[in-house]
């Protein structure tokens, strides 16, 4: 198996390199306030943030294919 840290680095590379800038801007617009609203002593629901991000990415990339 590939170590999880390596998977994260690969995913981060493709995330920044291949997602259109408009998608990255929308992700920041939606996710950043959610992250900032959370008080330090409260654990942020990372699974929910991932679900929100995937919904945004799928919406923007619907019908598009990558080679």
N, C-alpha and C. Protein backbone atom coordinates (compact mmCIF):
# COMPACT_ATOMS: atom_id res chain seq x y z
N UNK A 1 0.83 -1.19 0.00
CA UNK A 1 0.00 0.00 0.00
C UNK A 1 0.87 1.25 0.00
N UNK A 2 0.35 2.28 -0.62
CA UNK A 2 1.04 3.57 -0.62
C UNK A 2 0.76 4.24 0.72
N UNK A 3 1.78 4.76 1.38
CA UNK A 3 1.55 5.45 2.65
C UNK A 3 0.60 6.64 2.45
N UNK A 4 -0.24 6.89 3.43
CA UNK A 4 -1.25 7.94 3.35
C UNK A 4 -0.63 9.31 3.10
N UNK A 5 0.55 9.55 3.66
CA UNK A 5 1.22 10.84 3.46
C UNK A 5 1.58 11.04 1.99
N UNK A 6 1.99 9.96 1.33
CA UNK A 6 2.33 10.03 -0.09
C UNK A 6 1.06 10.28 -0.90
N UNK A 7 -0.02 9.60 -0.57
CA UNK A 7 -1.30 9.83 -1.25
C UNK A 7 -1.73 11.28 -1.12
N UNK A 8 -1.60 11.84 0.05
CA UNK A 8 -1.99 13.24 0.27
C UNK A 8 -1.15 14.19 -0.56
N UNK A 9 0.14 13.92 -0.65
CA UNK A 9 1.01 14.79 -1.45
C UNK A 9 0.68 14.70 -2.94
N UNK A 10 0.38 13.49 -3.41
CA UNK A 10 -0.01 13.32 -4.82
C UNK A 10 -1.33 14.05 -5.08
N UNK A 11 -2.29 13.85 -4.21
CA UNK A 11 -3.60 14.49 -4.37
C UNK A 11 -3.47 16.01 -4.34
N UNK A 12 -2.65 16.53 -3.45
CA UNK A 12 -2.44 17.97 -3.36
C UNK A 12 -1.84 18.51 -4.65
N UNK A 13 -0.89 17.79 -5.22
CA UNK A 13 -0.27 18.20 -6.48
C UNK A 13 -1.32 18.32 -7.58
N UNK A 14 -2.14 17.28 -7.76
CA UNK A 14 -3.15 17.31 -8.81
C UNK A 14 -4.24 18.34 -8.52
N UNK A 15 -4.54 18.52 -7.26
CA UNK A 15 -5.55 19.50 -6.84
C UNK A 15 -5.14 20.89 -7.31
N UNK A 16 -3.92 21.28 -7.03
CA UNK A 16 -3.43 22.62 -7.38
C UNK A 16 -3.11 22.76 -8.86
N UNK A 17 -2.67 21.69 -9.49
CA UNK A 17 -2.22 21.77 -10.88
C UNK A 17 -3.36 21.70 -11.89
N UNK A 18 -4.37 20.88 -11.62
CA UNK A 18 -5.36 20.60 -12.66
C UNK A 18 -6.74 21.18 -12.42
N UNK A 19 -7.08 21.56 -11.21
CA UNK A 19 -8.40 22.16 -11.02
C UNK A 19 -8.40 23.58 -11.56
N UNK A 20 -9.45 23.96 -12.27
CA UNK A 20 -9.53 25.33 -12.76
C UNK A 20 -9.51 26.32 -11.59
N UNK A 21 -8.97 27.49 -11.86
CA UNK A 21 -8.85 28.50 -10.81
C UNK A 21 -10.21 28.86 -10.22
N UNK A 22 -11.25 28.88 -11.04
CA UNK A 22 -12.59 29.22 -10.53
C UNK A 22 -13.05 28.21 -9.48
N UNK A 23 -12.67 26.96 -9.63
CA UNK A 23 -13.03 25.93 -8.66
C UNK A 23 -12.28 26.17 -7.35
N UNK A 24 -11.00 26.46 -7.45
CA UNK A 24 -10.20 26.73 -6.25
C UNK A 24 -10.74 27.95 -5.50
N UNK A 25 -11.11 28.98 -6.24
CA UNK A 25 -11.66 30.19 -5.61
C UNK A 25 -12.98 29.87 -4.91
N UNK A 26 -13.83 29.09 -5.55
CA UNK A 26 -15.11 28.72 -4.94
C UNK A 26 -14.91 27.86 -3.70
N UNK A 27 -13.95 26.94 -3.74
CA UNK A 27 -13.66 26.12 -2.57
C UNK A 27 -13.21 26.99 -1.40
N UNK A 28 -12.32 27.93 -1.66
CA UNK A 28 -11.87 28.83 -0.60
C UNK A 28 -13.01 29.70 -0.08
N UNK A 29 -13.85 30.18 -1.00
CA UNK A 29 -14.98 31.05 -0.61
C UNK A 29 -15.93 30.32 0.33
N UNK A 30 -16.16 29.04 0.08
CA UNK A 30 -17.11 28.26 0.88
C UNK A 30 -16.46 27.68 2.14
N UNK A 31 -15.27 27.10 1.99
CA UNK A 31 -14.68 26.36 3.10
C UNK A 31 -13.97 27.24 4.13
N UNK A 32 -13.32 28.30 3.68
CA UNK A 32 -12.56 29.13 4.61
C UNK A 32 -13.41 29.71 5.74
N UNK A 33 -14.58 30.29 5.45
CA UNK A 33 -15.40 30.79 6.56
C UNK A 33 -15.82 29.69 7.53
N UNK A 34 -16.10 28.50 7.01
CA UNK A 34 -16.48 27.40 7.90
C UNK A 34 -15.33 27.04 8.83
N UNK A 35 -14.11 27.06 8.29
CA UNK A 35 -12.94 26.74 9.11
C UNK A 35 -12.67 27.84 10.14
N UNK A 36 -12.88 29.07 9.77
CA UNK A 36 -12.62 30.19 10.68
C UNK A 36 -13.68 30.32 11.77
N UNK A 37 -14.90 29.85 11.49
CA UNK A 37 -15.99 29.96 12.47
C UNK A 37 -15.79 29.03 13.67
N UNK A 38 -15.09 27.97 13.46
CA UNK A 38 -14.92 26.96 14.50
C UNK A 38 -13.99 27.50 15.58
N UNK A 39 -14.45 27.40 16.80
CA UNK A 39 -13.62 27.82 17.92
C UNK A 39 -12.50 26.80 18.12
N UNK A 40 -11.41 27.24 18.69
CA UNK A 40 -10.24 26.39 18.83
C UNK A 40 -10.51 25.11 19.62
N UNK A 41 -11.37 25.16 20.60
CA UNK A 41 -11.61 23.97 21.42
C UNK A 41 -12.58 22.98 20.79
N UNK A 42 -13.24 23.38 19.70
CA UNK A 42 -14.19 22.51 19.02
C UNK A 42 -13.50 21.89 17.80
N UNK A 43 -13.60 20.59 17.66
CA UNK A 43 -13.00 19.88 16.53
C UNK A 43 -13.84 20.13 15.28
N UNK A 44 -13.18 20.50 14.21
CA UNK A 44 -13.87 20.75 12.95
C UNK A 44 -14.23 19.40 12.30
N UNK A 45 -15.40 19.32 11.70
CA UNK A 45 -15.85 18.08 11.05
C UNK A 45 -15.21 18.00 9.67
N UNK A 46 -14.07 17.36 9.60
CA UNK A 46 -13.31 17.28 8.35
C UNK A 46 -14.04 16.47 7.29
N UNK A 47 -14.77 15.47 7.71
CA UNK A 47 -15.54 14.66 6.75
C UNK A 47 -16.58 15.53 6.05
N UNK A 48 -17.23 16.41 6.79
CA UNK A 48 -18.24 17.30 6.20
C UNK A 48 -17.58 18.29 5.24
N UNK A 49 -16.41 18.81 5.60
CA UNK A 49 -15.70 19.72 4.71
C UNK A 49 -15.32 19.01 3.40
N UNK A 50 -14.91 17.76 3.49
CA UNK A 50 -14.56 16.99 2.30
C UNK A 50 -15.79 16.79 1.43
N UNK A 51 -16.92 16.46 2.05
CA UNK A 51 -18.17 16.28 1.29
C UNK A 51 -18.56 17.56 0.57
N UNK A 52 -18.47 18.69 1.25
CA UNK A 52 -18.79 19.98 0.63
C UNK A 52 -17.86 20.25 -0.55
N UNK A 53 -16.57 20.02 -0.34
CA UNK A 53 -15.59 20.26 -1.40
C UNK A 53 -15.85 19.37 -2.60
N UNK A 54 -16.14 18.10 -2.36
CA UNK A 54 -16.40 17.18 -3.47
C UNK A 54 -17.65 17.58 -4.24
N UNK A 55 -18.67 18.06 -3.55
CA UNK A 55 -19.88 18.54 -4.23
C UNK A 55 -19.55 19.71 -5.15
N UNK A 56 -18.75 20.65 -4.66
CA UNK A 56 -18.36 21.82 -5.46
C UNK A 56 -17.54 21.38 -6.67
N UNK A 57 -16.56 20.51 -6.45
CA UNK A 57 -15.70 20.05 -7.54
C UNK A 57 -16.53 19.31 -8.59
N UNK A 58 -17.40 18.42 -8.15
CA UNK A 58 -18.24 17.67 -9.10
C UNK A 58 -19.16 18.59 -9.88
N UNK A 59 -19.69 19.61 -9.23
CA UNK A 59 -20.56 20.57 -9.91
C UNK A 59 -19.80 21.28 -11.04
N UNK A 60 -18.62 21.77 -10.74
CA UNK A 60 -17.84 22.51 -11.74
C UNK A 60 -17.30 21.61 -12.84
N UNK A 61 -16.99 20.38 -12.54
CA UNK A 61 -16.36 19.49 -13.51
C UNK A 61 -17.33 18.52 -14.17
N UNK A 62 -18.62 18.70 -13.92
CA UNK A 62 -19.62 17.80 -14.47
C UNK A 62 -19.50 17.73 -15.99
N UNK A 63 -19.36 16.52 -16.50
CA UNK A 63 -19.28 16.33 -17.94
C UNK A 63 -17.91 16.56 -18.54
N UNK A 64 -16.94 16.97 -17.75
CA UNK A 64 -15.59 17.20 -18.27
C UNK A 64 -14.74 15.97 -17.99
N UNK A 65 -13.81 15.71 -18.88
CA UNK A 65 -12.93 14.55 -18.75
C UNK A 65 -11.48 15.03 -18.79
N UNK A 66 -10.64 14.35 -18.05
CA UNK A 66 -9.22 14.69 -18.00
C UNK A 66 -8.42 13.55 -18.58
N UNK A 67 -7.34 13.89 -19.25
CA UNK A 67 -6.45 12.87 -19.82
C UNK A 67 -5.17 12.84 -19.04
